C-alpha atoms as a PDB file:
ATOM      1  CA  MET A   1      -6.215  19.748 -19.991  1.00  0.00           C
ATOM      2  CA  LYS A   2      -5.304  17.840 -23.140  1.00  0.00           C
ATOM      3  CA  LEU A   3      -6.343  14.203 -22.891  1.00  0.00           C
ATOM      4  CA  VAL A   4      -4.310  12.859 -25.828  1.00  0.00           C
ATOM      5  CA  THR A   5      -0.847  13.778 -27.077  1.00  0.00           C
ATOM      6  CA  VAL A   6       0.484  12.315 -30.315  1.00  0.00           C
ATOM      7  CA  THR A   7       4.223  12.558 -30.980  1.00  0.00           C
ATOM      8  CA  GLY A   8       6.887  10.975 -33.145  1.00  0.00           C
ATOM      9  CA  GLU A   9       9.989  11.703 -35.174  1.00  0.00           C
ATOM     10  CA  ASP A  10       8.274  11.331 -38.564  1.00  0.00           C
ATOM     11  CA  LEU A  11       6.193  14.504 -38.710  1.00  0.00           C
ATOM     12  CA  GLY A  12       4.332  13.277 -41.795  1.00  0.00           C
ATOM     13  CA  LEU A  13       3.062  10.217 -39.935  1.00  0.00           C
ATOM     14  CA  VAL A  14       2.228  12.264 -36.862  1.00  0.00           C
ATOM     15  CA  ASP A  15       0.275  14.772 -38.969  1.00  0.00           C
ATOM     16  CA  LEU A  16      -1.572  11.935 -40.732  1.00  0.00           C
ATOM     17  CA  LEU A  17      -2.667  10.198 -37.529  1.00  0.00           C
ATOM     18  CA  ARG A  18      -2.870  12.983 -34.906  1.00  0.00           C
ATOM     19  CA  ASP A  19      -6.457  14.141 -35.441  1.00  0.00           C
ATOM     20  CA  PRO A  20      -8.140  10.742 -35.898  1.00  0.00           C
ATOM     21  CA  LEU A  21      -6.329   9.233 -32.908  1.00  0.00           C
ATOM     22  CA  SER A  22      -6.903  12.293 -30.710  1.00  0.00           C
ATOM     23  CA  GLU A  23     -10.620  12.373 -31.480  1.00  0.00           C
ATOM     24  CA  ALA A  24     -11.113   8.644 -30.965  1.00  0.00           C
ATOM     25  CA  LEU A  25      -9.096   8.392 -27.742  1.00  0.00           C
ATOM     26  CA  ALA A  26     -10.485  11.591 -26.192  1.00  0.00           C
ATOM     27  CA  GLN A  27     -13.923   9.934 -26.242  1.00  0.00           C
ATOM     28  CA  ARG A  28     -12.599   7.475 -23.644  1.00  0.00           C
ATOM     29  CA  HIS A  29     -12.127  10.384 -21.175  1.00  0.00           C
ATOM     30  CA  ARG A  30      -8.655   9.248 -20.111  1.00  0.00           C
ATOM     31  CA  CYS A  31      -5.181  10.655 -20.707  1.00  0.00           C
ATOM     32  CA  TYR A  32      -3.048   8.939 -23.329  1.00  0.00           C
ATOM     33  CA  ASP A  33       0.391   9.515 -24.797  1.00  0.00           C
ATOM     34  CA  VAL A  34       0.706   8.127 -28.315  1.00  0.00           C
ATOM     35  CA  ASP A  35       4.045   7.681 -30.053  1.00  0.00           C
ATOM     36  CA  VAL A  36       4.086   7.007 -33.788  1.00  0.00           C
ATOM     37  CA  ALA A  37       7.312   5.542 -35.171  1.00  0.00           C
ATOM     38  CA  SER A  38       8.533   4.028 -38.429  1.00  0.00           C
ATOM     39  CA  VAL A  39      10.185   0.654 -37.987  1.00  0.00           C
ATOM     40  CA  GLY A  40      11.748  -1.752 -40.426  1.00  0.00           C
ATOM     41  CA  ARG A  41      12.743  -1.182 -44.023  1.00  0.00           C
ATOM     42  CA  VAL A  42       9.415  -1.558 -45.791  1.00  0.00           C
ATOM     43  CA  GLY A  43       7.360   1.100 -44.039  1.00  0.00           C
ATOM     44  CA  GLU A  44       6.015  -0.644 -40.961  1.00  0.00           C
ATOM     45  CA  VAL A  45       4.745   1.697 -38.280  1.00  0.00           C
ATOM     46  CA  VAL A  46       4.290   1.140 -34.561  1.00  0.00           C
ATOM     47  CA  VAL A  47       1.630   3.142 -32.744  1.00  0.00           C
ATOM     48  CA  SER A  48       2.408   2.916 -29.053  1.00  0.00           C
ATOM     49  CA  VAL A  49      -0.359   4.031 -26.704  1.00  0.00           C
ATOM     50  CA  THR A  50       0.501   4.655 -23.056  1.00  0.00           C
ATOM     51  CA  GLY A  51      -2.163   5.325 -20.450  1.00  0.00           C
ATOM     52  CA  SER A  52      -2.541   5.049 -16.702  1.00  0.00           C
ATOM     53  CA  ARG A  53      -3.335   1.349 -17.008  1.00  0.00           C
ATOM     54  CA  GLY A  54      -0.431   0.308 -19.224  1.00  0.00           C
ATOM     55  CA  ARG A  55       1.164   0.498 -22.643  1.00  0.00           C
ATOM     56  CA  LEU A  56      -0.038  -1.010 -25.902  1.00  0.00           C
ATOM     57  CA  PRO A  57       2.214  -1.208 -28.991  1.00  0.00           C
ATOM     58  CA  LEU A  58       0.385  -1.862 -32.252  1.00  0.00           C
ATOM     59  CA  PHE A  59       2.177  -2.605 -35.524  1.00  0.00           C
ATOM     60  CA  PHE A  60       0.812  -1.628 -38.927  1.00  0.00           C
ATOM     61  CA  LYS A  61       2.021  -2.402 -42.447  1.00  0.00           C
ATOM     62  CA  ALA A  62       2.537   0.532 -44.805  1.00  0.00           C
ATOM     63  CA  ASP A  63      -0.697  -0.294 -46.651  1.00  0.00           C
ATOM     64  CA  GLU A  64      -2.706  -0.258 -43.381  1.00  0.00           C
ATOM     65  CA  LEU A  65      -2.051   3.389 -42.521  1.00  0.00           C
ATOM     66  CA  GLU A  66      -5.437   4.781 -43.509  1.00  0.00           C
ATOM     67  CA  PRO A  67      -6.222   7.079 -40.527  1.00  0.00           C
ATOM     68  CA  GLY A  68      -9.729   5.709 -39.923  1.00  0.00           C
ATOM     69  CA  TYR A  69      -8.476   2.130 -39.883  1.00  0.00           C
ATOM     70  CA  VAL A  70      -5.612   2.884 -37.468  1.00  0.00           C
ATOM     71  CA  SER A  71      -7.961   4.821 -35.190  1.00  0.00           C
ATOM     72  CA  ARG A  72     -10.527   1.995 -35.170  1.00  0.00           C
ATOM     73  CA  VAL A  73      -7.911  -0.685 -34.417  1.00  0.00           C
ATOM     74  CA  VAL A  74      -6.433   1.382 -31.577  1.00  0.00           C
ATOM     75  CA  THR A  75      -9.771   2.157 -29.916  1.00  0.00           C
ATOM     76  CA  ASP A  76     -11.130  -1.385 -30.345  1.00  0.00           C
ATOM     77  CA  THR A  77      -7.957  -2.903 -28.895  1.00  0.00           C
ATOM     78  CA  LEU A  78      -7.874  -0.509 -25.944  1.00  0.00           C
ATOM     79  CA  ALA A  79     -11.499  -1.345 -25.172  1.00  0.00           C
ATOM     80  CA  ARG A  80     -10.796  -5.064 -25.472  1.00  0.00           C
ATOM     81  CA  PHE A  81      -7.929  -4.953 -22.970  1.00  0.00           C
ATOM     82  CA  GLY A  82      -9.426  -2.278 -20.702  1.00  0.00           C
ATOM     83  CA  LEU A  83      -6.644   0.238 -21.100  1.00  0.00           C
END
């Protein structure tokens, strides 16, 4: 059973973030659906994480899309809110 699925319309963004997010979230031993989407005109991205305990949308600026940073913010925020 796959614990984490990462999807989105922008395949470049999905490819960039799939592995780091999958590895980080799988360590939580829960199922998550992650949607990665471009929003706005200047490259903002929303990473929306849905799990059994709720949904968490996180917004990133174009210059914040380093995979390790995004992964760390997502996992730290999920831990903080108990999702």
